[in-house]
Amino acid sequence: MRTRPADPPDAARFVSEGISTGPYRWRARALLDAPADVVATMVPSTVAVIEAVDEHRCVLTSGSDSLDSIALHLAHLGIPFIPLDPPELRARCAALARRLHAAATNSQ
């Protein structure tokens, strides 16, 4: 006789996590200062998993072979964010901020 799990897994979430983070070197998480439903309209489920924290914030989880790509993607959303994991993501955000600031203020 077969039994059903008491709490079956969410198939859509399972697939989304596998596609958006599974095959990559880096798995990153960031806290975004926007509601999950708003972010979900901006980021396809094949790119990231979006989880509501409360009515106004969410956590985005995504993967990439480059932390710079993740940092730039987060910045491109135009939403304030805090890098959570990995710790190296915060350092890459700082390095990119310095580089962009230098480019914006260079008058040659």
C-alpha atoms as a PDB file:
ATOM      1  CA  MET A   1       0.000   0.000   0.000  1.00  0.00           C
ATOM      2  CA  ARG A   2       1.358   3.441  -0.941  1.00  0.00           C
ATOM      3  CA  THR A   3       1.145   6.335   1.450  1.00  0.00           C
ATOM      4  CA  ARG A   4       1.121  10.031   0.784  1.00  0.00           C
ATOM      5  CA  PRO A   5       3.506  12.412   2.508  1.00  0.00           C
ATOM      6  CA  ALA A   6       1.787  14.330   5.280  1.00  0.00           C
ATOM      7  CA  ASP A   7       2.946  17.611   3.721  1.00  0.00           C
ATOM      8  CA  PRO A   8       3.672  17.120   0.012  1.00  0.00           C
ATOM      9  CA  PRO A   9       6.407  19.334  -1.439  1.00  0.00           C
ATOM     10  CA  ASP A  10       5.527  22.314  -3.606  1.00  0.00           C
ATOM     11  CA  ALA A  11       6.363  21.039  -7.095  1.00  0.00           C
ATOM     12  CA  ALA A  12       6.605  24.490  -8.677  1.00  0.00           C
ATOM     13  CA  ARG A  13       8.987  25.698  -5.982  1.00  0.00           C
ATOM     14  CA  PHE A  14      11.072  22.534  -6.283  1.00  0.00           C
ATOM     15  CA  VAL A  15      11.496  23.072 -10.029  1.00  0.00           C
ATOM     16  CA  SER A  16      12.144  26.805  -9.623  1.00  0.00           C
ATOM     17  CA  GLU A  17      14.863  26.196  -7.022  1.00  0.00           C
ATOM     18  CA  GLY A  18      16.469  23.538  -9.199  1.00  0.00           C
ATOM     19  CA  ILE A  19      16.577  25.792 -12.252  1.00  0.00           C
ATOM     20  CA  SER A  20      17.430  29.102 -10.580  1.00  0.00           C
ATOM     21  CA  THR A  21      20.137  27.933  -8.160  1.00  0.00           C
ATOM     22  CA  GLY A  22      20.989  24.284  -8.741  1.00  0.00           C
ATOM     23  CA  PRO A  23      23.475  24.331 -11.613  1.00  0.00           C
ATOM     24  CA  TYR A  24      25.514  27.337 -10.475  1.00  0.00           C
ATOM     25  CA  ARG A  25      28.693  27.842  -8.466  1.00  0.00           C
ATOM     26  CA  TRP A  26      27.135  30.524  -6.253  1.00  0.00           C
ATOM     27  CA  ARG A  27      23.774  30.496  -4.479  1.00  0.00           C
ATOM     28  CA  ALA A  28      22.946  33.980  -3.246  1.00  0.00           C
ATOM     29  CA  ARG A  29      20.245  35.426  -1.027  1.00  0.00           C
ATOM     30  CA  ALA A  30      19.270  39.066  -0.639  1.00  0.00           C
ATOM     31  CA  LEU A  31      16.630  40.884   1.382  1.00  0.00           C
ATOM     32  CA  LEU A  32      14.680  43.237  -0.894  1.00  0.00           C
ATOM     33  CA  ASP A  33      12.703  46.222   0.322  1.00  0.00           C
ATOM     34  CA  ALA A  34       9.650  45.394  -1.812  1.00  0.00           C
ATOM     35  CA  PRO A  35       6.679  43.040  -1.565  1.00  0.00           C
ATOM     36  CA  ALA A  36       7.165  39.539  -2.947  1.00  0.00           C
ATOM     37  CA  ASP A  37       4.347  39.913  -5.472  1.00  0.00           C
ATOM     38  CA  VAL A  38       5.966  43.046  -6.932  1.00  0.00           C
ATOM     39  CA  VAL A  39       9.380  41.399  -7.228  1.00  0.00           C
ATOM     40  CA  ALA A  40       7.820  38.269  -8.742  1.00  0.00           C
ATOM     41  CA  THR A  41       6.514  40.374 -11.645  1.00  0.00           C
ATOM     42  CA  MET A  42      10.067  41.593 -12.308  1.00  0.00           C
ATOM     43  CA  VAL A  43      11.998  38.345 -11.898  1.00  0.00           C
ATOM     44  CA  PRO A  44      10.975  35.104 -13.632  1.00  0.00           C
ATOM     45  CA  SER A  45      10.786  31.947 -11.522  1.00  0.00           C
ATOM     46  CA  THR A  46      13.512  30.456 -13.729  1.00  0.00           C
ATOM     47  CA  VAL A  47      15.891  33.170 -12.450  1.00  0.00           C
ATOM     48  CA  ALA A  48      15.105  33.321  -8.726  1.00  0.00           C
ATOM     49  CA  VAL A  49      12.900  32.094  -5.920  1.00  0.00           C
ATOM     50  CA  ILE A  50      11.045  34.904  -4.154  1.00  0.00           C
ATOM     51  CA  GLU A  51       9.828  34.434  -0.571  1.00  0.00           C
ATOM     52  CA  ALA A  52       7.750  36.963   1.353  1.00  0.00           C
ATOM     53  CA  VAL A  53       9.193  38.081   4.688  1.00  0.00           C
ATOM     54  CA  ASP A  54       6.286  40.397   5.460  1.00  0.00           C
ATOM     55  CA  GLU A  55       3.957  42.716   3.511  1.00  0.00           C
ATOM     56  CA  HIS A  56       6.820  45.019   2.487  1.00  0.00           C
ATOM     57  CA  ARG A  57       9.916  42.815   2.091  1.00  0.00           C
ATOM     58  CA  CYS A  58      11.004  39.590   0.507  1.00  0.00           C
ATOM     59  CA  VAL A  59      14.040  37.376   0.103  1.00  0.00           C
ATOM     60  CA  LEU A  60      15.336  36.659  -3.383  1.00  0.00           C
ATOM     61  CA  THR A  61      17.403  33.494  -3.863  1.00  0.00           C
ATOM     62  CA  SER A  62      19.260  33.037  -7.116  1.00  0.00           C
ATOM     63  CA  GLY A  63      22.301  31.330  -8.529  1.00  0.00           C
ATOM     64  CA  SER A  64      25.085  32.258 -10.897  1.00  0.00           C
ATOM     65  CA  ASP A  65      28.657  31.393 -11.714  1.00  0.00           C
ATOM     66  CA  SER A  66      29.480  35.060 -11.032  1.00  0.00           C
ATOM     67  CA  LEU A  67      28.718  37.071  -7.903  1.00  0.00           C
ATOM     68  CA  ASP A  68      29.164  40.232  -9.975  1.00  0.00           C
ATOM     69  CA  SER A  69      26.279  39.093 -12.180  1.00  0.00           C
ATOM     70  CA  ILE A  70      24.060  38.588  -9.144  1.00  0.00           C
ATOM     71  CA  ALA A  71      25.040  41.959  -7.665  1.00  0.00           C
ATOM     72  CA  LEU A  72      24.373  43.760 -10.949  1.00  0.00           C
ATOM     73  CA  HIS A  73      21.046  41.954 -11.393  1.00  0.00           C
ATOM     74  CA  LEU A  74      19.970  43.022  -7.910  1.00  0.00           C
ATOM     75  CA  ALA A  75      21.043  46.617  -8.559  1.00  0.00           C
ATOM     76  CA  HIS A  76      19.249  46.606 -11.906  1.00  0.00           C
ATOM     77  CA  LEU A  77      15.936  45.880 -10.162  1.00  0.00           C
ATOM     78  CA  GLY A  78      16.031  49.395  -8.712  1.00  0.00           C
ATOM     79  CA  ILE A  79      14.928  48.130  -5.293  1.00  0.00           C
ATOM     80  CA  PRO A  80      16.934  48.683  -2.103  1.00  0.00           C
ATOM     81  CA  PHE A  81      18.482  45.390  -1.001  1.00  0.00           C
ATOM     82  CA  ILE A  82      20.770  43.849   1.592  1.00  0.00           C
ATOM     83  CA  PRO A  83      23.027  40.959   0.553  1.00  0.00           C
ATOM     84  CA  LEU A  84      22.520  38.068   2.996  1.00  0.00           C
ATOM     85  CA  ASP A  85      24.491  35.129   1.599  1.00  0.00           C
ATOM     86  CA  PRO A  86      27.190  34.373   0.734  1.00  0.00           C
ATOM     87  CA  PRO A  87      29.353  36.909   2.615  1.00  0.00           C
ATOM     88  CA  GLU A  88      31.377  37.401  -0.568  1.00  0.00           C
ATOM     89  CA  LEU A  89      28.320  38.977  -2.249  1.00  0.00           C
ATOM     90  CA  ARG A  90      28.518  42.007   0.034  1.00  0.00           C
ATOM     91  CA  ALA A  91      32.204  42.434  -0.870  1.00  0.00           C
ATOM     92  CA  ARG A  92      31.409  42.196  -4.600  1.00  0.00           C
ATOM     93  CA  CYS A  93      28.664  44.831  -4.196  1.00  0.00           C
ATOM     94  CA  ALA A  94      31.176  47.149  -2.508  1.00  0.00           C
ATOM     95  CA  ALA A  95      33.792  46.590  -5.228  1.00  0.00           C
ATOM     96  CA  LEU A  96      31.261  47.247  -7.989  1.00  0.00           C
ATOM     97  CA  ALA A  97      30.033  50.376  -6.187  1.00  0.00           C
ATOM     98  CA  ARG A  98      33.591  51.724  -6.081  1.00  0.00           C
ATOM     99  CA  ARG A  99      34.128  50.933  -9.753  1.00  0.00           C
ATOM    100  CA  LEU A 100      30.838  52.537 -10.800  1.00  0.00           C
ATOM    101  CA  HIS A 101      31.497  55.588  -8.634  1.00  0.00           C
ATOM    102  CA  ALA A 102      34.934  56.005 -10.210  1.00  0.00           C
ATOM    103  CA  ALA A 103      33.420  55.733 -13.679  1.00  0.00           C
ATOM    104  CA  ALA A 104      30.719  58.284 -12.856  1.00  0.00           C
ATOM    105  CA  THR A 105      33.160  60.820 -11.439  1.00  0.00           C
ATOM    106  CA  ASN A 106      36.024  60.397 -13.930  1.00  0.00           C
ATOM    107  CA  SER A 107      36.317  63.569 -15.998  1.00  0.00           C
ATOM    108  CA  GLN A 108      39.509  62.630 -17.893  1.00  0.00           C
END
